[in-house]
Amino acid sequence: MTKVPDGQRALVLQGGGSLGAYEAGAYQALYERISKTDREKGDGKPFLNIVAGTSIGAINAAIIVSYVVENGTLAVVSFLYVYNHFSHPYTWCQSKLGALHCKTFK
């Protein structure tokens, strides 16, 4: 029987629309706490071994993993950048009876 290595970490993110932004903040807190503890112990193990999710959680997982693949390191900055970008004011337009109506959201 194969022994499971000690200390593996997994992050599973759930779906549910607005939970995506909550997950970004929770991820930041987890990353800061665990990274600090690992540095103090001198552990060279990865922050996460497995990242998975469903719905918005899958999108968040893809953001996290894609940053690691592209940069060879893990950072919270790219994850939070996505949510800060979404929170900027935007304009939504729709056509009603042939006229274009627009509204800016903040």
PDB file of N, CA and C in Angstrom:
ATOM      1  N   MET A   1       0.838  -1.172   0.000  1.00  0.00           N
ATOM      2  CA  MET A   1       0.000   0.000   0.000  1.00  0.00           C
ATOM      3  C   MET A   1       0.891   1.246   0.000  1.00  0.00           C
ATOM      4  N   THR A   2       0.514   2.235  -0.807  1.00  0.00           N
ATOM      5  CA  THR A   2       1.276   3.473  -0.910  1.00  0.00           C
ATOM      6  C   THR A   2       0.932   4.406   0.239  1.00  0.00           C
ATOM      7  N   LYS A   3       1.978   4.921   0.869  1.00  0.00           N
ATOM      8  CA  LYS A   3       1.767   5.850   1.977  1.00  0.00           C
ATOM      9  C   LYS A   3       1.482   7.245   1.425  1.00  0.00           C
ATOM     10  N   VAL A   4       0.478   7.907   1.975  1.00  0.00           N
ATOM     11  CA  VAL A   4       0.145   9.272   1.579  1.00  0.00           C
ATOM     12  C   VAL A   4       1.107  10.215   2.292  1.00  0.00           C
ATOM     13  N   PRO A   5       1.776  11.104   1.539  1.00  0.00           N
ATOM     14  CA  PRO A   5       2.714  12.034   2.167  1.00  0.00           C
ATOM     15  C   PRO A   5       2.010  12.936   3.186  1.00  0.00           C
ATOM     16  N   ASP A   6       2.718  13.236   4.258  1.00  0.00           N
ATOM     17  CA  ASP A   6       2.177  14.133   5.279  1.00  0.00           C
ATOM     18  C   ASP A   6       2.159  15.566   4.777  1.00  0.00           C
ATOM     19  N   GLY A   7       1.207  16.315   5.279  1.00  0.00           N
ATOM     20  CA  GLY A   7       1.194  17.754   5.052  1.00  0.00           C
ATOM     21  C   GLY A   7       0.755  18.227   3.689  1.00  0.00           C
ATOM     22  N   GLN A   8       0.051  17.402   2.933  1.00  0.00           N
ATOM     23  CA  GLN A   8      -0.460  17.899   1.662  1.00  0.00           C
ATOM     24  C   GLN A   8      -1.641  18.809   1.918  1.00  0.00           C
ATOM     25  N   ARG A   9      -1.785  19.833   1.081  1.00  0.00           N
ATOM     26  CA  ARG A   9      -2.867  20.803   1.254  1.00  0.00           C
ATOM     27  C   ARG A   9      -3.724  20.864  -0.005  1.00  0.00           C
ATOM     28  N   ALA A  10      -5.025  20.964   0.232  1.00  0.00           N
ATOM     29  CA  ALA A  10      -5.974  21.090  -0.875  1.00  0.00           C
ATOM     30  C   ALA A  10      -6.891  22.279  -0.594  1.00  0.00           C
ATOM     31  N   LEU A  11      -7.275  22.957  -1.647  1.00  0.00           N
ATOM     32  CA  LEU A  11      -8.226  24.058  -1.553  1.00  0.00           C
ATOM     33  C   LEU A  11      -9.374  23.736  -2.500  1.00  0.00           C
ATOM     34  N   VAL A  12     -10.579  23.607  -1.954  1.00  0.00           N
ATOM     35  CA  VAL A  12     -11.765  23.324  -2.751  1.00  0.00           C
ATOM     36  C   VAL A  12     -12.702  24.516  -2.604  1.00  0.00           C
ATOM     37  N   LEU A  13     -13.015  25.156  -3.726  1.00  0.00           N
ATOM     38  CA  LEU A  13     -13.842  26.364  -3.733  1.00  0.00           C
ATOM     39  C   LEU A  13     -15.222  26.041  -4.287  1.00  0.00           C
ATOM     40  N   GLN A  14     -16.242  26.517  -3.622  1.00  0.00           N
ATOM     41  CA  GLN A  14     -17.603  26.206  -4.057  1.00  0.00           C
ATOM     42  C   GLN A  14     -18.141  27.277  -4.992  1.00  0.00           C
ATOM     43  N   GLY A  15     -19.245  26.976  -5.605  1.00  0.00           N
ATOM     44  CA  GLY A  15     -19.912  27.916  -6.479  1.00  0.00           C
ATOM     45  C   GLY A  15     -20.944  28.727  -5.723  1.00  0.00           C
ATOM     46  N   GLY A  16     -21.509  29.686  -6.406  1.00  0.00           N
ATOM     47  CA  GLY A  16     -22.561  30.483  -5.793  1.00  0.00           C
ATOM     48  C   GLY A  16     -22.387  31.971  -5.975  1.00  0.00           C
ATOM     49  N   GLY A  17     -22.119  32.399  -7.194  1.00  0.00           N
ATOM     50  CA  GLY A  17     -22.094  33.827  -7.530  1.00  0.00           C
ATOM     51  C   GLY A  17     -21.237  34.697  -6.642  1.00  0.00           C
ATOM     52  N   SER A  18     -21.867  35.379  -5.689  1.00  0.00           N
ATOM     53  CA  SER A  18     -21.159  36.359  -4.868  1.00  0.00           C
ATOM     54  C   SER A  18     -20.126  35.727  -3.947  1.00  0.00           C
ATOM     55  N   LEU A  19     -20.183  34.419  -3.749  1.00  0.00           N
ATOM     56  CA  LEU A  19     -19.163  33.757  -2.946  1.00  0.00           C
ATOM     57  C   LEU A  19     -17.784  33.892  -3.572  1.00  0.00           C
ATOM     58  N   GLY A  20     -17.741  34.137  -4.860  1.00  0.00           N
ATOM     59  CA  GLY A  20     -16.450  34.292  -5.542  1.00  0.00           C
ATOM     60  C   GLY A  20     -15.612  35.395  -4.941  1.00  0.00           C
ATOM     61  N   ALA A  21     -16.210  36.529  -4.667  1.00  0.00           N
ATOM     62  CA  ALA A  21     -15.480  37.647  -4.066  1.00  0.00           C
ATOM     63  C   ALA A  21     -15.081  37.312  -2.635  1.00  0.00           C
ATOM     64  N   TYR A  22     -15.958  36.638  -1.913  1.00  0.00           N
ATOM     65  CA  TYR A  22     -15.635  36.210  -0.549  1.00  0.00           C
ATOM     66  C   TYR A  22     -14.426  35.272  -0.577  1.00  0.00           C
ATOM     67  N   GLU A  23     -14.417  34.351  -1.541  1.00  0.00           N
ATOM     68  CA  GLU A  23     -13.315  33.398  -1.648  1.00  0.00           C
ATOM     69  C   GLU A  23     -11.991  34.112  -1.887  1.00  0.00           C
ATOM     70  N   ALA A  24     -12.018  35.216  -2.628  1.00  0.00           N
ATOM     71  CA  ALA A  24     -10.790  35.977  -2.877  1.00  0.00           C
ATOM     72  C   ALA A  24     -10.213  36.501  -1.563  1.00  0.00           C
ATOM     73  N   GLY A  25     -11.055  37.048  -0.714  1.00  0.00           N
ATOM     74  CA  GLY A  25     -10.598  37.562   0.575  1.00  0.00           C
ATOM     75  C   GLY A  25     -10.152  36.450   1.513  1.00  0.00           C
ATOM     76  N   ALA A  26     -10.899  35.366   1.531  1.00  0.00           N
ATOM     77  CA  ALA A  26     -10.544  34.226   2.382  1.00  0.00           C
ATOM     78  C   ALA A  26      -9.224  33.615   1.917  1.00  0.00           C
ATOM     79  N   TYR A  27      -9.031  33.537   0.608  1.00  0.00           N
ATOM     80  CA  TYR A  27      -7.788  33.009   0.049  1.00  0.00           C
ATOM     81  C   TYR A  27      -6.606  33.887   0.464  1.00  0.00           C
ATOM     82  N   GLN A  28      -6.792  35.193   0.414  1.00  0.00           N
ATOM     83  CA  GLN A  28      -5.718  36.105   0.808  1.00  0.00           C
ATOM     84  C   GLN A  28      -5.312  35.865   2.260  1.00  0.00           C
ATOM     85  N   ALA A  29      -6.287  35.760   3.147  1.00  0.00           N
ATOM     86  CA  ALA A  29      -5.998  35.529   4.562  1.00  0.00           C
ATOM     87  C   ALA A  29      -5.286  34.187   4.772  1.00  0.00           C
ATOM     88  N   LEU A  30      -5.765  33.144   4.101  1.00  0.00           N
ATOM     89  CA  LEU A  30      -5.141  31.825   4.199  1.00  0.00           C
ATOM     90  C   LEU A  30      -3.705  31.860   3.699  1.00  0.00           C
ATOM     91  N   TYR A  31      -3.509  32.476   2.546  1.00  0.00           N
ATOM     92  CA  TYR A  31      -2.174  32.556   1.936  1.00  0.00           C
ATOM     93  C   TYR A  31      -1.195  33.273   2.865  1.00  0.00           C
ATOM     94  N   GLU A  32      -1.613  34.409   3.402  1.00  0.00           N
ATOM     95  CA  GLU A  32      -0.725  35.179   4.271  1.00  0.00           C
ATOM     96  C   GLU A  32      -0.375  34.395   5.530  1.00  0.00           C
ATOM     97  N   ARG A  33      -1.344  33.752   6.135  1.00  0.00           N
ATOM     98  CA  ARG A  33      -1.121  33.008   7.380  1.00  0.00           C
ATOM     99  C   ARG A  33      -0.238  31.784   7.163  1.00  0.00           C
ATOM    100  N   ILE A  34      -0.576  30.984   6.169  1.00  0.00           N
ATOM    101  CA  ILE A  34       0.167  29.742   5.934  1.00  0.00           C
ATOM    102  C   ILE A  34       1.571  30.044   5.409  1.00  0.00           C
ATOM    103  N   SER A  35       1.716  31.023   4.535  1.00  0.00           N
ATOM    104  CA  SER A  35       3.039  31.378   4.006  1.00  0.00           C
ATOM    105  C   SER A  35       3.956  31.843   5.130  1.00  0.00           C
ATOM    106  N   LYS A  36       3.423  32.632   6.048  1.00  0.00           N
ATOM    107  CA  LYS A  36       4.212  33.115   7.183  1.00  0.00           C
ATOM    108  C   LYS A  36       4.665  31.938   8.048  1.00  0.00           C
ATOM    109  N   THR A  37       3.749  31.033   8.340  1.00  0.00           N
ATOM    110  CA  THR A  37       4.079  29.863   9.153  1.00  0.00           C
ATOM    111  C   THR A  37       5.130  29.000   8.467  1.00  0.00           C
ATOM    112  N   ASP A  38       4.993  28.782   7.156  1.00  0.00           N
ATOM    113  CA  ASP A  38       5.966  27.977   6.411  1.00  0.00           C
ATOM    114  C   ASP A  38       7.349  28.626   6.423  1.00  0.00           C
ATOM    115  N   ARG A  39       7.399  29.940   6.264  1.00  0.00           N
ATOM    116  CA  ARG A  39       8.689  30.648   6.294  1.00  0.00           C
ATOM    117  C   ARG A  39       9.354  30.503   7.666  1.00  0.00           C
ATOM    118  N   GLU A  40       8.560  30.628   8.718  1.00  0.00           N
ATOM    119  CA  GLU A  40       9.099  30.503  10.078  1.00  0.00           C
ATOM    120  C   GLU A  40       9.637  29.098  10.344  1.00  0.00           C
ATOM    121  N   LYS A  41       8.973  28.083   9.802  1.00  0.00           N
ATOM    122  CA  LYS A  41       9.407  26.695   9.983  1.00  0.00           C
ATOM    123  C   LYS A  41      10.531  26.324   9.023  1.00  0.00           C
ATOM    124  N   GLY A  42      10.698  27.111   7.957  1.00  0.00           N
ATOM    125  CA  GLY A  42      11.693  26.780   6.946  1.00  0.00           C
ATOM    126  C   GLY A  42      11.242  25.684   6.007  1.00  0.00           C
ATOM    127  N   ASP A  43       9.919  25.471   5.927  1.00  0.00           N
ATOM    128  CA  ASP A  43       9.367  24.445   5.032  1.00  0.00           C
ATOM    129  C   ASP A  43       9.470  24.907   3.582  1.00  0.00           C
ATOM    130  N   GLY A  44       9.913  24.008   2.734  1.00  0.00           N
ATOM    131  CA  GLY A  44       9.990  24.320   1.311  1.00  0.00           C
ATOM    132  C   GLY A  44       8.831  23.733   0.526  1.00  0.00           C
ATOM    133  N   LYS A  45       7.806  23.280   1.233  1.00  0.00           N
ATOM    134  CA  LYS A  45       6.691  22.641   0.532  1.00  0.00           C
ATOM    135  C   LYS A  45       5.793  23.686  -0.130  1.00  0.00           C
ATOM    136  N   PRO A  46       5.059  23.280  -1.152  1.00  0.00           N
ATOM    137  CA  PRO A  46       4.172  24.235  -1.829  1.00  0.00           C
ATOM    138  C   PRO A  46       3.019  24.666  -0.928  1.00  0.00           C
ATOM    139  N   PHE A  47       2.533  25.851  -1.192  1.00  0.00           N
ATOM    140  CA  PHE A  47       1.391  26.370  -0.429  1.00  0.00           C
ATOM    141  C   PHE A  47       0.186  25.461  -0.591  1.00  0.00           C
ATOM    142  N   LEU A  48      -0.115  25.067  -1.838  1.00  0.00           N
ATOM    143  CA  LEU A  48      -1.239  24.161  -2.120  1.00  0.00           C
ATOM    144  C   LEU A  48      -0.777  23.055  -3.056  1.00  0.00           C
ATOM    145  N   ASN A  49      -1.254  21.840  -2.803  1.00  0.00           N
ATOM    146  CA  ASN A  49      -0.972  20.727  -3.690  1.00  0.00           C
ATOM    147  C   ASN A  49      -2.104  20.501  -4.681  1.00  0.00           C
ATOM    148  N   ILE A  50      -3.318  20.798  -4.259  1.00  0.00           N
ATOM    149  CA  ILE A  50      -4.502  20.583  -5.092  1.00  0.00           C
ATOM    150  C   ILE A  50      -5.400  21.810  -4.980  1.00  0.00           C
ATOM    151  N   VAL A  51      -5.880  22.289  -6.127  1.00  0.00           N
ATOM    152  CA  VAL A  51      -6.850  23.389  -6.151  1.00  0.00           C
ATOM    153  C   VAL A  51      -7.990  22.953  -7.054  1.00  0.00           C
ATOM    154  N   ALA A  52      -9.209  23.001  -6.536  1.00  0.00           N
ATOM    155  CA  ALA A  52     -10.375  22.572  -7.309  1.00  0.00           C
ATOM    156  C   ALA A  52     -11.563  23.462  -6.967  1.00  0.00           C
ATOM    157  N   GLY A  53     -12.559  23.448  -7.830  1.00  0.00           N
ATOM    158  CA  GLY A  53     -13.748  24.235  -7.555  1.00  0.00           C
ATOM    159  C   GLY A  53     -14.863  23.925  -8.523  1.00  0.00           C
ATOM    160  N   THR A  54     -16.024  24.471  -8.217  1.00  0.00           N
ATOM    161  CA  THR A  54     -17.183  24.325  -9.087  1.00  0.00           C
ATOM    162  C   THR A  54     -17.789  25.699  -9.304  1.00  0.00           C
ATOM    163  N   SER A  55     -18.304  25.951 -10.507  1.00  0.00           N
ATOM    164  CA  SER A  55     -18.929  27.223 -10.861  1.00  0.00           C
ATOM    165  C   SER A  55     -17.937  28.372 -10.641  1.00  0.00           C
ATOM    166  N   ILE A  56     -18.284  29.392  -9.867  1.00  0.00           N
ATOM    167  CA  ILE A  56     -17.365  30.516  -9.652  1.00  0.00           C
ATOM    168  C   ILE A  56     -16.108  30.031  -8.938  1.00  0.00           C
ATOM    169  N   GLY A  57     -16.221  28.993  -8.134  1.00  0.00           N
ATOM    170  CA  GLY A  57     -15.050  28.415  -7.483  1.00  0.00           C
ATOM    171  C   GLY A  57     -14.062  27.842  -8.483  1.00  0.00           C
ATOM    172  N   ALA A  58     -14.566  27.280  -9.585  1.00  0.00           N
ATOM    173  CA  ALA A  58     -13.685  26.761 -10.637  1.00  0.00           C
ATOM    174  C   ALA A  58     -12.966  27.902 -11.347  1.00  0.00           C
ATOM    175  N   ILE A  59     -13.655  29.005 -11.544  1.00  0.00           N
ATOM    176  CA  ILE A  59     -13.016  30.182 -12.160  1.00  0.00           C
ATOM    177  C   ILE A  59     -11.919  30.695 -11.232  1.00  0.00           C
ATOM    178  N   ASN A  60     -12.219  30.796  -9.943  1.00  0.00           N
ATOM    179  CA  ASN A  60     -11.218  31.235  -8.977  1.00  0.00           C
ATOM    180  C   ASN A  60     -10.023  30.276  -8.937  1.00  0.00           C
ATOM    181  N   ALA A  61     -10.299  28.986  -8.967  1.00  0.00           N
ATOM    182  CA  ALA A  61      -9.222  27.992  -8.973  1.00  0.00           C
ATOM    183  C   ALA A  61      -8.353  28.159 -10.219  1.00  0.00           C
ATOM    184  N   ALA A  62      -8.969  28.425 -11.364  1.00  0.00           N
ATOM    185  CA  ALA A  62      -8.217  28.622 -12.603  1.00  0.00           C
ATOM    186  C   ALA A  62      -7.329  29.866 -12.516  1.00  0.00           C
ATOM    187  N   ILE A  63      -7.820  30.922 -11.894  1.00  0.00           N
ATOM    188  CA  ILE A  63      -7.014  32.141 -11.717  1.00  0.00           C
ATOM    189  C   ILE A  63      -5.786  31.829 -10.864  1.00  0.00           C
ATOM    190  N   ILE A  64      -5.987  31.119  -9.771  1.00  0.00           N
ATOM    191  CA  ILE A  64      -4.883  30.783  -8.869  1.00  0.00           C
ATOM    192  C   ILE A  64      -3.850  29.919  -9.589  1.00  0.00           C
ATOM    193  N   VAL A  65      -4.301  28.850 -10.215  1.00  0.00           N
ATOM    194  CA  VAL A  65      -3.392  27.903 -10.850  1.00  0.00           C
ATOM    195  C   VAL A  65      -2.695  28.528 -12.059  1.00  0.00           C
ATOM    196  N   SER A  66      -3.398  29.320 -12.855  1.00  0.00           N
ATOM    197  CA  SER A  66      -2.777  29.912 -14.039  1.00  0.00           C
ATOM    198  C   SER A  66      -1.640  30.856 -13.657  1.00  0.00           C
ATOM    199  N   TYR A  67      -1.789  31.562 -12.541  1.00  0.00           N
ATOM    200  CA  TYR A  67      -0.708  32.445 -12.098  1.00  0.00           C
ATOM    201  C   TYR A  67       0.524  31.630 -11.716  1.00  0.00           C
ATOM    202  N   VAL A  68       0.331  30.522 -11.038  1.00  0.00           N
ATOM    203  CA  VAL A  68       1.449  29.664 -10.650  1.00  0.00           C
ATOM    204  C   VAL A  68       2.143  29.117 -11.891  1.00  0.00           C
ATOM    205  N   VAL A  69       1.372  28.648 -12.871  1.00  0.00           N
ATOM    206  CA  VAL A  69       1.941  28.074 -14.088  1.00  0.00           C
ATOM    207  C   VAL A  69       2.737  29.135 -14.858  1.00  0.00           C
ATOM    208  N   GLU A  70       2.191  30.338 -14.964  1.00  0.00           N
ATOM    209  CA  GLU A  70       2.855  31.398 -15.728  1.00  0.00           C
ATOM    210  C   GLU A  70       4.088  31.954 -15.026  1.00  0.00           C
ATOM    211  N   ASN A  71       4.051  32.064 -13.704  1.00  0.00           N
ATOM    212  CA  ASN A  71       5.105  32.768 -12.975  1.00  0.00           C
ATOM    213  C   ASN A  71       5.965  31.879 -12.093  1.00  0.00           C
ATOM    214  N   GLY A  72       5.599  30.633 -11.938  1.00  0.00           N
ATOM    215  CA  GLY A  72       6.378  29.723 -11.114  1.00  0.00           C
ATOM    216  C   GLY A  72       6.317  30.030  -9.627  1.00  0.00           C
ATOM    217  N   THR A  73       5.422  30.886  -9.244  1.00  0.00           N
ATOM    218  CA  THR A  73       5.268  31.250  -7.842  1.00  0.00           C
ATOM    219  C   THR A  73       3.805  31.537  -7.558  1.00  0.00           C
ATOM    220  N   LEU A  74       3.466  31.610  -6.312  1.00  0.00           N
ATOM    221  CA  LEU A  74       2.085  31.858  -5.920  1.00  0.00           C
ATOM    222  C   LEU A  74       1.978  33.248  -5.332  1.00  0.00           C
ATOM    223  N   ALA A  75       1.000  33.990  -5.767  1.00  0.00           N
ATOM    224  CA  ALA A  75       0.796  35.327  -5.213  1.00  0.00           C
ATOM    225  C   ALA A  75      -0.688  35.623  -5.159  1.00  0.00           C
ATOM    226  N   VAL A  76      -1.053  36.420  -4.208  1.00  0.00           N
ATOM    227  CA  VAL A  76      -2.441  36.817  -4.031  1.00  0.00           C
ATOM    228  C   VAL A  76      -2.785  37.960  -4.979  1.00  0.00           C
ATOM    229  N   VAL A  77      -1.787  38.699  -5.410  1.00  0.00           N
ATOM    230  CA  VAL A  77      -2.004  39.925  -6.166  1.00  0.00           C
ATOM    231  C   VAL A  77      -2.864  39.712  -7.403  1.00  0.00           C
ATOM    232  N   SER A  78      -2.581  38.689  -8.205  1.00  0.00           N
ATOM    233  CA  SER A  78      -3.344  38.497  -9.441  1.00  0.00           C
ATOM    234  C   SER A  78      -4.790  38.149  -9.158  1.00  0.00           C
ATOM    235  N   PHE A  79      -5.016  37.380  -8.114  1.00  0.00           N
ATOM    236  CA  PHE A  79      -6.373  36.974  -7.741  1.00  0.00           C
ATOM    237  C   PHE A  79      -7.186  38.199  -7.336  1.00  0.00           C
ATOM    238  N   LEU A  80      -6.612  39.028  -6.505  1.00  0.00           N
ATOM    239  CA  LEU A  80      -7.323  40.229  -6.059  1.00  0.00           C
ATOM    240  C   LEU A  80      -7.471  41.244  -7.184  1.00  0.00           C
ATOM    241  N   TYR A  81      -6.506  41.272  -8.115  1.00  0.00           N
ATOM    242  CA  TYR A  81      -6.605  42.182  -9.262  1.00  0.00           C
ATOM    243  C   TYR A  81      -7.873  41.905 -10.056  1.00  0.00           C
ATOM    244  N   VAL A  82      -8.183  40.647 -10.260  1.00  0.00           N
ATOM    245  CA  VAL A  82      -9.384  40.281 -11.030  1.00  0.00           C
ATOM    246  C   VAL A  82     -10.632  40.851 -10.361  1.00  0.00           C
ATOM    247  N   TYR A  83     -10.738  40.696  -9.042  1.00  0.00           N
ATOM    248  CA  TYR A  83     -11.932  41.186  -8.355  1.00  0.00           C
ATOM    249  C   TYR A  83     -11.967  42.706  -8.260  1.00  0.00           C
ATOM    250  N   ASN A  84     -10.810  43.337  -8.139  1.00  0.00           N
ATOM    251  CA  ASN A  84     -10.789  44.801  -8.166  1.00  0.00           C
ATOM    252  C   ASN A  84     -11.202  45.315  -9.539  1.00  0.00           C
ATOM    253  N   HIS A  85     -10.788  44.597 -10.580  1.00  0.00           N
ATOM    254  CA  HIS A  85     -11.171  44.990 -11.934  1.00  0.00           C
ATOM    255  C   HIS A  85     -12.687  44.887 -12.121  1.00  0.00           C
ATOM    256  N   PHE A  86     -13.283  43.835 -11.593  1.00  0.00           N
ATOM    257  CA  PHE A  86     -14.728  43.658 -11.703  1.00  0.00           C
ATOM    258  C   PHE A  86     -15.494  44.718 -10.927  1.00  0.00           C
ATOM    259  N   SER A  87     -14.880  45.259  -9.896  1.00  0.00           N
ATOM    260  CA  SER A  87     -15.601  46.202  -9.047  1.00  0.00           C
ATOM    261  C   SER A  87     -15.536  47.647  -9.543  1.00  0.00           C
ATOM    262  N   HIS A  88     -14.794  47.902 -10.609  1.00  0.00           N
ATOM    263  CA  HIS A  88     -14.729  49.262 -11.145  1.00  0.00           C
ATOM    264  C   HIS A  88     -16.059  49.635 -11.801  1.00  0.00           C
ATOM    265  N   PRO A  89     -16.344  50.929 -11.890  1.00  0.00           N
ATOM    266  CA  PRO A  89     -17.600  51.338 -12.539  1.00  0.00           C
ATOM    267  C   PRO A  89     -17.679  50.803 -13.982  1.00  0.00           C
ATOM    268  N   TYR A  90     -18.846  50.400 -14.381  1.00  0.00           N
ATOM    269  CA  TYR A  90     -19.033  49.922 -15.743  1.00  0.00           C
ATOM    270  C   TYR A  90     -20.369  50.423 -16.275  1.00  0.00           C
ATOM    271  N   THR A  91     -20.487  50.400 -17.590  1.00  0.00           N
ATOM    272  CA  THR A  91     -21.716  50.856 -18.234  1.00  0.00           C
ATOM    273  C   THR A  91     -22.385  49.673 -18.910  1.00  0.00           C
ATOM    274  N   TRP A  92     -23.684  49.570 -18.693  1.00  0.00           N
ATOM    275  CA  TRP A  92     -24.474  48.507 -19.296  1.00  0.00           C
ATOM    276  C   TRP A  92     -25.531  49.173 -20.175  1.00  0.00           C
ATOM    277  N   CYS A  93     -25.637  48.732 -21.410  1.00  0.00           N
ATOM    278  CA  CYS A  93     -26.593  49.326 -22.341  1.00  0.00           C
ATOM    279  C   CYS A  93     -27.546  48.256 -22.870  1.00  0.00           C
ATOM    280  N   GLN A  94     -28.763  48.683 -23.142  1.00  0.00           N
ATOM    281  CA  GLN A  94     -29.716  47.788 -23.765  1.00  0.00           C
ATOM    282  C   GLN A  94     -30.607  48.603 -24.704  1.00  0.00           C
ATOM    283  N   SER A  95     -31.113  47.925 -25.701  1.00  0.00           N
ATOM    284  CA  SER A  95     -31.970  48.585 -26.676  1.00  0.00           C
ATOM    285  C   SER A  95     -33.429  48.384 -26.285  1.00  0.00           C
ATOM    286  N   LYS A  96     -34.165  49.494 -26.191  1.00  0.00           N
ATOM    287  CA  LYS A  96     -35.597  49.435 -25.912  1.00  0.00           C
ATOM    288  C   LYS A  96     -36.331  50.197 -27.002  1.00  0.00           C
ATOM    289  N   LEU A  97     -37.150  49.481 -27.723  1.00  0.00           N
ATOM    290  CA  LEU A  97     -37.942  50.071 -28.797  1.00  0.00           C
ATOM    291  C   LEU A  97     -37.092  50.894 -29.759  1.00  0.00           C
ATOM    292  N   GLY A  98     -35.931  50.343 -30.113  1.00  0.00           N
ATOM    293  CA  GLY A  98     -35.065  50.989 -31.095  1.00  0.00           C
ATOM    294  C   GLY A  98     -34.160  52.070 -30.522  1.00  0.00           C
ATOM    295  N   ALA A  99     -34.314  52.423 -29.258  1.00  0.00           N
ATOM    296  CA  ALA A  99     -33.446  53.433 -28.640  1.00  0.00           C
ATOM    297  C   ALA A  99     -32.476  52.747 -27.692  1.00  0.00           C
ATOM    298  N   LEU A 100     -31.281  53.275 -27.641  1.00  0.00           N
ATOM    299  CA  LEU A 100     -30.240  52.695 -26.779  1.00  0.00           C
ATOM    300  C   LEU A 100     -30.278  53.410 -25.420  1.00  0.00           C
ATOM    301  N   HIS A 101     -30.462  52.630 -24.373  1.00  0.00           N
ATOM    302  CA  HIS A 101     -30.480  53.158 -23.011  1.00  0.00           C
ATOM    303  C   HIS A 101     -29.274  52.594 -22.252  1.00  0.00           C
ATOM    304  N   CYS A 102     -28.513  53.481 -21.616  1.00  0.00           N
ATOM    305  CA  CYS A 102     -27.310  53.048 -20.897  1.00  0.00           C
ATOM    306  C   CYS A 102     -27.386  53.506 -19.450  1.00  0.00           C
ATOM    307  N   LYS A 103     -26.781  52.716 -18.588  1.00  0.00           N
ATOM    308  CA  LYS A 103     -26.719  53.046 -17.169  1.00  0.00           C
ATOM    309  C   LYS A 103     -25.337  52.694 -16.663  1.00  0.00           C
ATOM    310  N   THR A 104     -24.730  53.573 -15.865  1.00  0.00           N
ATOM    311  CA  THR A 104     -23.414  53.325 -15.293  1.00  0.00           C
ATOM    312  C   THR A 104     -23.578  52.854 -13.857  1.00  0.00           C
ATOM    313  N   PHE A 105     -22.904  51.769 -13.523  1.00  0.00           N
ATOM    314  CA  PHE A 105     -22.951  51.200 -12.181  1.00  0.00           C
ATOM    315  C   PHE A 105     -21.623  51.435 -11.507  1.00  0.00           C
ATOM    316  N   LYS A 106     -21.667  51.706 -10.215  1.00  0.00           N
ATOM    317  CA  LYS A 106     -20.427  51.920  -9.461  1.00  0.00           C
ATOM    318  C   LYS A 106     -20.282  50.892  -8.378  1.00  0.00           C
TER     319      LYS A 106
END
